[in-house]
Amino acid sequence: RLAIARSGAIGPLMAGQPPAMVLERAAAAITSREQTVASVLLVDSDPYALQAATLVLEQAGLRVLALGEPLSFWETLEQVQPDLVVTGAAMAGVSGVDLCRALRADPRWRELPVILMASADEASLAKEAYRAGSDDLVRKPVQREDLVSRVENRLRRSRQQRRQIEFEEQRRQLA
């Protein structure tokens, strides 16, 4: 099992699995190999943090829309419909924690992954961020490997959840 996980494959199939399970695993494997470029909405009123995070995520092959005006968040969210949101924790005019809380309260955006960026002096926000529904927290200034690995992890988990939901819906329709 460890070798399978390390190789990036999707778990072993046990003998006697129903055909639907085999097909679901095959479809998941094919889908995971497709090169789909994820979109990230990056929000921060700190222009240096915004520029650094944008550069890091674009170099990782992600499509990034950088928004330096947090008060335009909702209009931009509707237009872009991103796969993930990365937001500053404390911004001019609005809190990233409040944005996260509002996303979790909205049925359309409830499942959208959210990562907050917080500087060392904002460390006390971590508990509040997780309570608000944040999926993860990264420290400013962003470290390339840290930000990229956390974003990729959240995107991968989000895709897996969507595939599982789609599979269950298809199963219900066939039953």
N, C-alpha and C. Protein backbone atom coordinates (compact mmCIF):
# COMPACT_ATOMS: atom_id res chain seq x y z
N ARG A 1 0.81 -1.20 0.00
CA ARG A 1 0.00 0.00 0.00
C ARG A 1 0.86 1.26 0.00
N LEU A 2 1.96 1.26 0.76
CA LEU A 2 2.83 2.43 0.77
C LEU A 2 3.45 2.67 -0.59
N ALA A 3 3.90 1.61 -1.25
CA ALA A 3 4.49 1.75 -2.58
C ALA A 3 3.48 2.30 -3.57
N ILE A 4 2.25 1.86 -3.46
CA ILE A 4 1.19 2.34 -4.35
C ILE A 4 0.97 3.83 -4.12
N ALA A 5 0.87 4.24 -2.86
CA ALA A 5 0.65 5.66 -2.55
C ALA A 5 1.83 6.51 -3.00
N ARG A 6 3.05 6.02 -2.80
CA ARG A 6 4.23 6.78 -3.20
C ARG A 6 4.31 6.96 -4.71
N SER A 7 3.80 5.99 -5.44
CA SER A 7 3.86 6.07 -6.90
C SER A 7 2.81 7.01 -7.46
N GLY A 8 1.88 7.45 -6.61
CA GLY A 8 0.83 8.34 -7.06
C GLY A 8 -0.40 7.61 -7.57
N ALA A 9 -0.41 6.29 -7.47
CA ALA A 9 -1.55 5.51 -7.92
C ALA A 9 -2.69 5.60 -6.91
N ILE A 10 -3.84 5.15 -7.33
CA ILE A 10 -5.02 5.19 -6.46
C ILE A 10 -5.26 3.80 -5.92
N GLY A 11 -4.89 3.57 -4.68
CA GLY A 11 -5.10 2.35 -3.91
C GLY A 11 -5.28 1.04 -4.65
N PRO A 12 -5.06 -0.06 -3.97
CA PRO A 12 -5.19 -1.39 -4.59
C PRO A 12 -6.65 -1.79 -4.74
N LEU A 13 -6.91 -2.61 -5.73
CA LEU A 13 -8.23 -3.21 -5.88
C LEU A 13 -8.17 -4.59 -5.23
N MET A 14 -9.09 -4.85 -4.39
CA MET A 14 -9.13 -6.14 -3.72
C MET A 14 -9.90 -7.14 -4.60
N ALA A 15 -9.58 -8.39 -4.49
CA ALA A 15 -10.27 -9.43 -5.25
C ALA A 15 -11.75 -9.41 -4.92
N GLY A 16 -12.56 -9.61 -5.94
CA GLY A 16 -14.00 -9.69 -5.73
C GLY A 16 -14.71 -8.35 -5.72
N GLN A 17 -14.01 -7.28 -6.10
CA GLN A 17 -14.66 -5.95 -6.14
C GLN A 17 -15.74 -5.94 -7.22
N PRO A 18 -16.85 -5.27 -6.97
CA PRO A 18 -17.90 -5.19 -7.99
C PRO A 18 -17.40 -4.41 -9.21
N PRO A 19 -17.93 -4.73 -10.39
CA PRO A 19 -17.49 -4.04 -11.61
C PRO A 19 -17.59 -2.52 -11.51
N ALA A 20 -18.62 -2.01 -10.84
CA ALA A 20 -18.77 -0.56 -10.71
C ALA A 20 -17.58 0.06 -9.99
N MET A 21 -17.05 -0.64 -8.98
CA MET A 21 -15.89 -0.13 -8.24
C MET A 21 -14.65 -0.12 -9.13
N VAL A 22 -14.48 -1.17 -9.92
CA VAL A 22 -13.34 -1.25 -10.83
C VAL A 22 -13.41 -0.10 -11.84
N LEU A 23 -14.59 0.14 -12.40
CA LEU A 23 -14.76 1.22 -13.36
C LEU A 23 -14.51 2.58 -12.71
N GLU A 24 -14.98 2.74 -11.49
CA GLU A 24 -14.76 4.00 -10.81
C GLU A 24 -13.28 4.25 -10.59
N ARG A 25 -12.55 3.24 -10.18
CA ARG A 25 -11.11 3.38 -9.97
C ARG A 25 -10.38 3.69 -11.28
N ALA A 26 -10.80 3.04 -12.36
CA ALA A 26 -10.18 3.29 -13.66
C ALA A 26 -10.44 4.73 -14.11
N ALA A 27 -11.68 5.19 -13.95
CA ALA A 27 -12.02 6.56 -14.33
C ALA A 27 -11.24 7.56 -13.49
N ALA A 28 -11.09 7.29 -12.21
CA ALA A 28 -10.34 8.18 -11.32
C ALA A 28 -8.87 8.24 -11.74
N ALA A 29 -8.31 7.10 -12.12
CA ALA A 29 -6.91 7.07 -12.54
C ALA A 29 -6.70 7.87 -13.82
N ILE A 30 -7.63 7.73 -14.76
CA ILE A 30 -7.52 8.48 -16.00
C ILE A 30 -7.68 9.96 -15.74
N THR A 31 -8.65 10.34 -14.94
CA THR A 31 -8.89 11.73 -14.62
C THR A 31 -7.70 12.36 -13.91
N SER A 32 -7.09 11.63 -13.00
CA SER A 32 -5.96 12.19 -12.25
C SER A 32 -4.74 12.41 -13.13
N ARG A 33 -4.66 11.70 -14.24
CA ARG A 33 -3.54 11.87 -15.14
C ARG A 33 -3.76 12.99 -16.15
N GLU A 34 -5.01 13.43 -16.30
CA GLU A 34 -5.29 14.54 -17.20
C GLU A 34 -4.66 15.81 -16.65
N GLN A 35 -4.11 16.58 -17.54
CA GLN A 35 -3.46 17.82 -17.13
C GLN A 35 -4.47 18.96 -17.16
N THR A 36 -5.20 19.13 -16.10
CA THR A 36 -6.12 20.25 -16.01
C THR A 36 -5.45 21.33 -15.17
N VAL A 37 -5.50 22.53 -15.67
CA VAL A 37 -4.88 23.64 -14.95
C VAL A 37 -5.91 24.22 -13.99
N ALA A 38 -5.57 24.20 -12.73
CA ALA A 38 -6.47 24.72 -11.70
C ALA A 38 -6.35 26.24 -11.65
N SER A 39 -7.45 26.87 -11.27
CA SER A 39 -7.43 28.33 -11.11
C SER A 39 -7.48 28.68 -9.63
N VAL A 40 -6.70 29.68 -9.28
CA VAL A 40 -6.60 30.13 -7.89
C VAL A 40 -6.93 31.62 -7.85
N LEU A 41 -7.84 31.98 -6.95
CA LEU A 41 -8.11 33.39 -6.68
C LEU A 41 -7.26 33.75 -5.47
N LEU A 42 -6.33 34.67 -5.68
CA LEU A 42 -5.39 35.09 -4.64
C LEU A 42 -5.77 36.50 -4.21
N VAL A 43 -6.08 36.67 -2.92
CA VAL A 43 -6.57 37.95 -2.42
C VAL A 43 -5.68 38.42 -1.28
N ASP A 44 -5.15 39.63 -1.42
CA ASP A 44 -4.38 40.23 -0.32
C ASP A 44 -4.19 41.70 -0.59
N SER A 45 -4.33 42.52 0.42
CA SER A 45 -4.12 43.96 0.26
C SER A 45 -2.64 44.32 0.36
N ASP A 46 -1.79 43.37 0.74
CA ASP A 46 -0.35 43.58 0.80
C ASP A 46 0.24 43.30 -0.58
N PRO A 47 0.66 44.34 -1.31
CA PRO A 47 1.13 44.12 -2.69
C PRO A 47 2.35 43.21 -2.79
N TYR A 48 3.21 43.23 -1.79
CA TYR A 48 4.41 42.37 -1.83
C TYR A 48 4.04 40.90 -1.65
N ALA A 49 3.17 40.62 -0.70
CA ALA A 49 2.72 39.25 -0.49
C ALA A 49 1.95 38.75 -1.70
N LEU A 50 1.13 39.62 -2.29
CA LEU A 50 0.34 39.27 -3.46
C LEU A 50 1.25 38.92 -4.64
N GLN A 51 2.25 39.75 -4.86
CA GLN A 51 3.18 39.52 -5.96
C GLN A 51 3.99 38.25 -5.76
N ALA A 52 4.50 38.04 -4.55
CA ALA A 52 5.31 36.86 -4.27
C ALA A 52 4.50 35.58 -4.43
N ALA A 53 3.30 35.54 -3.86
CA ALA A 53 2.46 34.35 -3.95
C ALA A 53 2.02 34.09 -5.39
N THR A 54 1.71 35.14 -6.12
CA THR A 54 1.33 34.99 -7.53
C THR A 54 2.45 34.35 -8.33
N LEU A 55 3.65 34.86 -8.16
CA LEU A 55 4.81 34.33 -8.88
C LEU A 55 5.02 32.85 -8.55
N VAL A 56 4.97 32.51 -7.28
CA VAL A 56 5.17 31.12 -6.85
C VAL A 56 4.12 30.19 -7.46
N LEU A 57 2.86 30.59 -7.42
CA LEU A 57 1.79 29.73 -7.91
C LEU A 57 1.80 29.62 -9.44
N GLU A 58 2.12 30.72 -10.12
CA GLU A 58 2.21 30.67 -11.58
C GLU A 58 3.37 29.78 -12.02
N GLN A 59 4.49 29.85 -11.31
CA GLN A 59 5.63 28.98 -11.64
C GLN A 59 5.29 27.51 -11.41
N ALA A 60 4.33 27.25 -10.54
CA ALA A 60 3.89 25.88 -10.28
C ALA A 60 2.88 25.41 -11.33
N GLY A 61 2.57 26.27 -12.30
CA GLY A 61 1.68 25.89 -13.38
C GLY A 61 0.21 26.15 -13.13
N LEU A 62 -0.10 26.95 -12.13
CA LEU A 62 -1.50 27.26 -11.82
C LEU A 62 -1.91 28.56 -12.50
N ARG A 63 -3.18 28.67 -12.79
CA ARG A 63 -3.74 29.91 -13.34
C ARG A 63 -4.14 30.75 -12.13
N VAL A 64 -3.58 31.94 -12.02
CA VAL A 64 -3.77 32.78 -10.84
C VAL A 64 -4.40 34.11 -11.22
N LEU A 65 -5.43 34.49 -10.49
CA LEU A 65 -5.96 35.83 -10.59
C LEU A 65 -5.65 36.50 -9.26
N ALA A 66 -4.80 37.52 -9.31
CA ALA A 66 -4.40 38.23 -8.10
C ALA A 66 -5.30 39.44 -7.91
N LEU A 67 -5.88 39.52 -6.74
CA LEU A 67 -6.81 40.60 -6.41
C LEU A 67 -6.26 41.39 -5.24
N GLY A 68 -5.87 42.63 -5.48
CA GLY A 68 -5.31 43.48 -4.43
C GLY A 68 -6.35 44.30 -3.70
N GLU A 69 -7.58 44.23 -4.15
CA GLU A 69 -8.68 44.98 -3.53
C GLU A 69 -9.69 43.99 -2.95
N PRO A 70 -9.53 43.62 -1.68
CA PRO A 70 -10.41 42.61 -1.07
C PRO A 70 -11.89 42.94 -1.12
N LEU A 71 -12.24 44.22 -1.19
CA LEU A 71 -13.65 44.58 -1.23
C LEU A 71 -14.31 44.18 -2.55
N SER A 72 -13.52 43.84 -3.55
CA SER A 72 -14.04 43.37 -4.85
C SER A 72 -14.11 41.84 -4.89
N PHE A 73 -13.92 41.20 -3.76
CA PHE A 73 -13.83 39.74 -3.71
C PHE A 73 -15.04 39.04 -4.30
N TRP A 74 -16.25 39.43 -3.90
CA TRP A 74 -17.45 38.68 -4.30
C TRP A 74 -17.72 38.78 -5.79
N GLU A 75 -17.54 39.97 -6.36
CA GLU A 75 -17.74 40.11 -7.81
C GLU A 75 -16.72 39.27 -8.57
N THR A 76 -15.48 39.32 -8.11
CA THR A 76 -14.41 38.57 -8.77
C THR A 76 -14.63 37.07 -8.62
N LEU A 77 -15.06 36.63 -7.46
CA LEU A 77 -15.34 35.22 -7.21
C LEU A 77 -16.38 34.71 -8.21
N GLU A 78 -17.45 35.47 -8.40
CA GLU A 78 -18.51 35.08 -9.33
C GLU A 78 -17.99 34.99 -10.76
N GLN A 79 -17.13 35.92 -11.15
CA GLN A 79 -16.60 35.95 -12.51
C GLN A 79 -15.62 34.81 -12.76
N VAL A 80 -14.71 34.59 -11.81
CA VAL A 80 -13.62 33.64 -11.99
C VAL A 80 -14.04 32.20 -11.69
N GLN A 81 -14.86 32.01 -10.67
CA GLN A 81 -15.25 30.69 -10.18
C GLN A 81 -14.02 29.79 -10.04
N PRO A 82 -13.13 30.16 -9.12
CA PRO A 82 -11.85 29.46 -8.97
C PRO A 82 -12.01 28.07 -8.35
N ASP A 83 -10.94 27.29 -8.46
CA ASP A 83 -10.88 25.97 -7.83
C ASP A 83 -10.43 26.08 -6.37
N LEU A 84 -9.82 27.23 -6.01
CA LEU A 84 -9.28 27.41 -4.67
C LEU A 84 -9.10 28.91 -4.42
N VAL A 85 -9.21 29.32 -3.17
CA VAL A 85 -8.96 30.70 -2.77
C VAL A 85 -7.81 30.72 -1.78
N VAL A 86 -6.86 31.63 -2.02
CA VAL A 86 -5.80 31.91 -1.06
C VAL A 86 -5.98 33.37 -0.68
N THR A 87 -6.12 33.64 0.61
CA THR A 87 -6.38 35.01 1.04
C THR A 87 -5.52 35.39 2.24
N GLY A 88 -5.19 36.66 2.29
CA GLY A 88 -4.49 37.18 3.45
C GLY A 88 -5.41 37.10 4.66
N ALA A 89 -4.84 36.92 5.82
CA ALA A 89 -5.65 36.80 7.04
C ALA A 89 -6.16 38.17 7.49
N ALA A 90 -5.28 39.15 7.48
CA ALA A 90 -5.66 40.50 7.90
C ALA A 90 -5.37 41.44 6.73
N MET A 91 -6.44 42.00 6.18
CA MET A 91 -6.29 42.88 5.01
C MET A 91 -6.99 44.20 5.28
N ALA A 92 -6.70 45.17 4.45
CA ALA A 92 -7.34 46.47 4.56
C ALA A 92 -8.82 46.34 4.20
N GLY A 93 -9.68 46.67 5.13
CA GLY A 93 -11.11 46.69 4.86
C GLY A 93 -11.86 45.41 5.13
N VAL A 94 -11.18 44.28 5.18
CA VAL A 94 -11.87 43.01 5.41
C VAL A 94 -10.87 41.99 5.95
N SER A 95 -11.37 41.06 6.69
CA SER A 95 -10.54 40.00 7.25
C SER A 95 -10.66 38.74 6.40
N GLY A 96 -9.56 38.06 6.16
CA GLY A 96 -9.61 36.79 5.45
C GLY A 96 -10.43 35.76 6.21
N VAL A 97 -10.41 35.85 7.53
CA VAL A 97 -11.21 34.95 8.36
C VAL A 97 -12.70 35.19 8.10
N ASP A 98 -13.08 36.48 7.98
CA ASP A 98 -14.48 36.80 7.69
C ASP A 98 -14.88 36.33 6.30
N LEU A 99 -13.99 36.47 5.32
CA LEU A 99 -14.26 35.97 3.97
C LEU A 99 -14.49 34.46 4.00
N CYS A 100 -13.65 33.78 4.74
CA CYS A 100 -13.78 32.33 4.87
C CYS A 100 -15.11 31.96 5.51
N ARG A 101 -15.45 32.64 6.57
CA ARG A 101 -16.72 32.39 7.27
C ARG A 101 -17.91 32.60 6.32
N ALA A 102 -17.85 33.66 5.52
CA ALA A 102 -18.94 33.96 4.58
C ALA A 102 -19.00 32.90 3.47
N LEU A 103 -17.86 32.42 3.00
CA LEU A 103 -17.85 31.36 1.99
C LEU A 103 -18.50 30.09 2.54
N ARG A 104 -18.19 29.74 3.77
CA ARG A 104 -18.74 28.53 4.37
C ARG A 104 -20.24 28.64 4.62
N ALA A 105 -20.74 29.88 4.75
CA ALA A 105 -22.16 30.09 4.98
C ALA A 105 -22.96 30.08 3.68
N ASP A 106 -22.28 30.17 2.54
CA ASP A 106 -22.94 30.22 1.24
C ASP A 106 -22.94 28.83 0.61
N PRO A 107 -24.10 28.25 0.35
CA PRO A 107 -24.16 26.88 -0.21
C PRO A 107 -23.39 26.72 -1.52
N ARG A 108 -23.32 27.77 -2.33
CA ARG A 108 -22.59 27.67 -3.61
C ARG A 108 -21.09 27.53 -3.41
N TRP A 109 -20.55 28.11 -2.36
CA TRP A 109 -19.10 28.16 -2.18
C TRP A 109 -18.63 27.38 -0.96
N ARG A 110 -19.52 26.70 -0.30
CA ARG A 110 -19.22 26.01 0.95
C ARG A 110 -18.04 25.04 0.83
N GLU A 111 -17.93 24.35 -0.29
CA GLU A 111 -16.88 23.33 -0.46
C GLU A 111 -15.60 23.87 -1.09
N LEU A 112 -15.58 25.14 -1.45
CA LEU A 112 -14.40 25.74 -2.09
C LEU A 112 -13.24 25.76 -1.10
N PRO A 113 -12.11 25.15 -1.46
CA PRO A 113 -10.96 25.16 -0.54
C PRO A 113 -10.44 26.59 -0.31
N VAL A 114 -10.09 26.88 0.94
CA VAL A 114 -9.59 28.20 1.32
C VAL A 114 -8.32 28.03 2.14
N ILE A 115 -7.28 28.75 1.73
CA ILE A 115 -6.01 28.78 2.47
C ILE A 115 -5.76 30.23 2.88
N LEU A 116 -5.48 30.45 4.15
CA LEU A 116 -5.17 31.78 4.64
C LEU A 116 -3.67 31.96 4.76
N MET A 117 -3.20 33.16 4.43
CA MET A 117 -1.79 33.53 4.61
C MET A 117 -1.72 34.50 5.78
N ALA A 118 -0.88 34.19 6.76
CA ALA A 118 -0.77 35.04 7.95
C ALA A 118 0.69 35.28 8.28
N SER A 119 1.01 36.51 8.66
CA SER A 119 2.37 36.81 9.09
C SER A 119 2.57 36.30 10.51
N ALA A 120 3.81 36.30 10.96
CA ALA A 120 4.14 35.77 12.29
C ALA A 120 3.36 36.49 13.39
N ASP A 121 3.15 37.80 13.24
CA ASP A 121 2.43 38.53 14.28
C ASP A 121 0.92 38.29 14.23
N GLU A 122 0.46 37.55 13.23
CA GLU A 122 -0.95 37.18 13.14
C GLU A 122 -1.18 35.72 13.54
N ALA A 123 -0.20 35.12 14.19
CA ALA A 123 -0.27 33.70 14.55
C ALA A 123 -1.50 33.37 15.40
N SER A 124 -1.97 34.32 16.18
CA SER A 124 -3.13 34.07 17.02
C SER A 124 -4.40 33.85 16.19
N LEU A 125 -4.36 34.21 14.92
CA LEU A 125 -5.51 34.02 14.04
C LEU A 125 -5.70 32.57 13.62
N ALA A 126 -4.70 31.74 13.81
CA ALA A 126 -4.77 30.36 13.33
C ALA A 126 -5.99 29.62 13.86
N LYS A 127 -6.21 29.68 15.15
CA LYS A 127 -7.35 28.98 15.74
C LYS A 127 -8.67 29.53 15.20
N GLU A 128 -8.74 30.85 15.10
CA GLU A 128 -9.95 31.48 14.58
C GLU A 128 -10.16 31.12 13.11
N ALA A 129 -9.07 31.04 12.34
CA ALA A 129 -9.16 30.68 10.92
C ALA A 129 -9.72 29.28 10.74
N TYR A 130 -9.24 28.34 11.52
CA TYR A 130 -9.74 26.97 11.40
C TYR A 130 -11.19 26.87 11.87
N ARG A 131 -11.55 27.61 12.88
CA ARG A 131 -12.94 27.62 13.34
C ARG A 131 -13.87 28.21 12.28
N ALA A 132 -13.36 29.15 11.50
CA ALA A 132 -14.15 29.78 10.44
C ALA A 132 -14.30 28.87 9.23
N GLY A 133 -13.51 27.79 9.20
CA GLY A 133 -13.63 26.84 8.09
C GLY A 133 -12.46 26.85 7.14
N SER A 134 -11.40 27.54 7.46
CA SER A 134 -10.22 27.54 6.60
C SER A 134 -9.66 26.12 6.50
N ASP A 135 -9.21 25.76 5.30
CA ASP A 135 -8.66 24.43 5.09
C ASP A 135 -7.20 24.35 5.50
N ASP A 136 -6.50 25.48 5.43
CA ASP A 136 -5.08 25.46 5.75
C ASP A 136 -4.62 26.88 6.02
N LEU A 137 -3.39 26.99 6.53
CA LEU A 137 -2.80 28.28 6.88
C LEU A 137 -1.34 28.22 6.50
N VAL A 138 -0.86 29.25 5.81
CA VAL A 138 0.57 29.36 5.48
C VAL A 138 1.09 30.66 6.07
N ARG A 139 2.36 30.67 6.35
CA ARG A 139 3.00 31.84 6.95
C ARG A 139 3.56 32.76 5.87
N LYS A 140 3.45 34.06 6.14
CA LYS A 140 4.10 35.07 5.31
C LYS A 140 5.43 35.40 5.95
N PRO A 141 6.45 35.69 5.21
CA PRO A 141 6.48 35.61 3.76
C PRO A 141 6.39 34.16 3.29
N VAL A 142 5.69 33.95 2.18
CA VAL A 142 5.44 32.59 1.72
C VAL A 142 6.74 31.92 1.28
N GLN A 143 6.83 30.66 1.64
CA GLN A 143 7.93 29.82 1.19
C GLN A 143 7.41 28.99 0.03
N ARG A 144 8.12 28.99 -1.07
CA ARG A 144 7.66 28.35 -2.29
C ARG A 144 7.13 26.94 -2.06
N GLU A 145 7.95 26.06 -1.51
CA GLU A 145 7.55 24.66 -1.33
C GLU A 145 6.35 24.51 -0.41
N ASP A 146 6.30 25.32 0.61
CA ASP A 146 5.19 25.25 1.56
C ASP A 146 3.88 25.62 0.88
N LEU A 147 3.86 26.76 0.21
CA LEU A 147 2.63 27.22 -0.44
C LEU A 147 2.20 26.26 -1.55
N VAL A 148 3.11 25.87 -2.41
CA VAL A 148 2.77 24.99 -3.53
C VAL A 148 2.26 23.65 -3.03
N SER A 149 2.92 23.05 -2.06
CA SER A 149 2.48 21.74 -1.59
C SER A 149 1.11 21.82 -0.92
N ARG A 150 0.84 22.88 -0.19
CA ARG A 150 -0.46 23.02 0.46
C ARG A 150 -1.57 23.26 -0.56
N VAL A 151 -1.30 24.10 -1.55
CA VAL A 151 -2.29 24.36 -2.60
C VAL A 151 -2.56 23.08 -3.38
N GLU A 152 -1.51 22.39 -3.80
CA GLU A 152 -1.70 21.14 -4.56
C GLU A 152 -2.45 20.10 -3.75
N ASN A 153 -2.16 20.00 -2.47
CA ASN A 153 -2.85 19.05 -1.60
C ASN A 153 -4.34 19.37 -1.53
N ARG A 154 -4.68 20.62 -1.33
CA ARG A 154 -6.09 21.01 -1.24
C ARG A 154 -6.81 20.80 -2.56
N LEU A 155 -6.15 21.10 -3.67
CA LEU A 155 -6.76 20.87 -4.98
C LEU A 155 -7.01 19.39 -5.22
N ARG A 156 -6.03 18.57 -4.87
CA ARG A 156 -6.16 17.11 -5.06
C ARG A 156 -7.32 16.57 -4.22
N ARG A 157 -7.41 16.97 -2.98
CA ARG A 157 -8.49 16.49 -2.10
C ARG A 157 -9.86 16.98 -2.60
N SER A 158 -9.91 18.19 -3.09
CA SER A 158 -11.16 18.73 -3.61
C SER A 158 -11.61 17.94 -4.84
N ARG A 159 -10.68 17.63 -5.73
CA ARG A 159 -11.01 16.82 -6.92
C ARG A 159 -11.50 15.43 -6.51
N GLN A 160 -10.84 14.84 -5.53
CA GLN A 160 -11.25 13.51 -5.07
C GLN A 160 -12.66 13.54 -4.50
N GLN A 161 -12.97 14.56 -3.74
CA GLN A 161 -14.32 14.68 -3.16
C GLN A 161 -15.36 14.86 -4.26
N ARG A 162 -15.05 15.69 -5.26
CA ARG A 162 -15.99 15.89 -6.37
C ARG A 162 -16.22 14.59 -7.14
N ARG A 163 -15.14 13.85 -7.40
CA ARG A 163 -15.28 12.57 -8.12
C ARG A 163 -16.13 11.59 -7.32
N GLN A 164 -15.92 11.54 -6.01
CA GLN A 164 -16.70 10.64 -5.17
C GLN A 164 -18.18 11.01 -5.19
N ILE A 165 -18.47 12.29 -5.11
CA ILE A 165 -19.86 12.75 -5.16
C ILE A 165 -20.49 12.41 -6.50
N GLU A 166 -19.75 12.65 -7.58
CA GLU A 166 -20.26 12.32 -8.92
C GLU A 166 -20.52 10.83 -9.07
N PHE A 167 -19.59 10.03 -8.56
CA PHE A 167 -19.74 8.57 -8.64
C PHE A 167 -20.98 8.11 -7.87
N GLU A 168 -21.17 8.65 -6.67
CA GLU A 168 -22.33 8.27 -5.87
C GLU A 168 -23.64 8.69 -6.54
N GLU A 169 -23.64 9.84 -7.18
CA GLU A 169 -24.83 10.28 -7.91
C GLU A 169 -25.13 9.36 -9.08
N GLN A 170 -24.08 8.95 -9.80
CA GLN A 170 -24.28 8.03 -10.92
C GLN A 170 -24.79 6.68 -10.42
N ARG A 171 -24.27 6.21 -9.33
CA ARG A 171 -24.73 4.94 -8.76
C ARG A 171 -26.21 5.00 -8.36
N ARG A 172 -26.60 6.13 -7.75
CA ARG A 172 -28.00 6.31 -7.36
C ARG A 172 -28.92 6.31 -8.59
N GLN A 173 -28.46 6.93 -9.66
CA GLN A 173 -29.26 7.00 -10.88
C GLN A 173 -29.42 5.63 -11.51
N LEU A 174 -28.38 4.81 -11.43
CA LEU A 174 -28.43 3.47 -12.02
C LEU A 174 -29.22 2.49 -11.17
N ALA A 175 -29.34 2.78 -9.89
CA ALA A 175 -30.04 1.86 -8.98
C ALA A 175 -31.54 1.94 -9.10
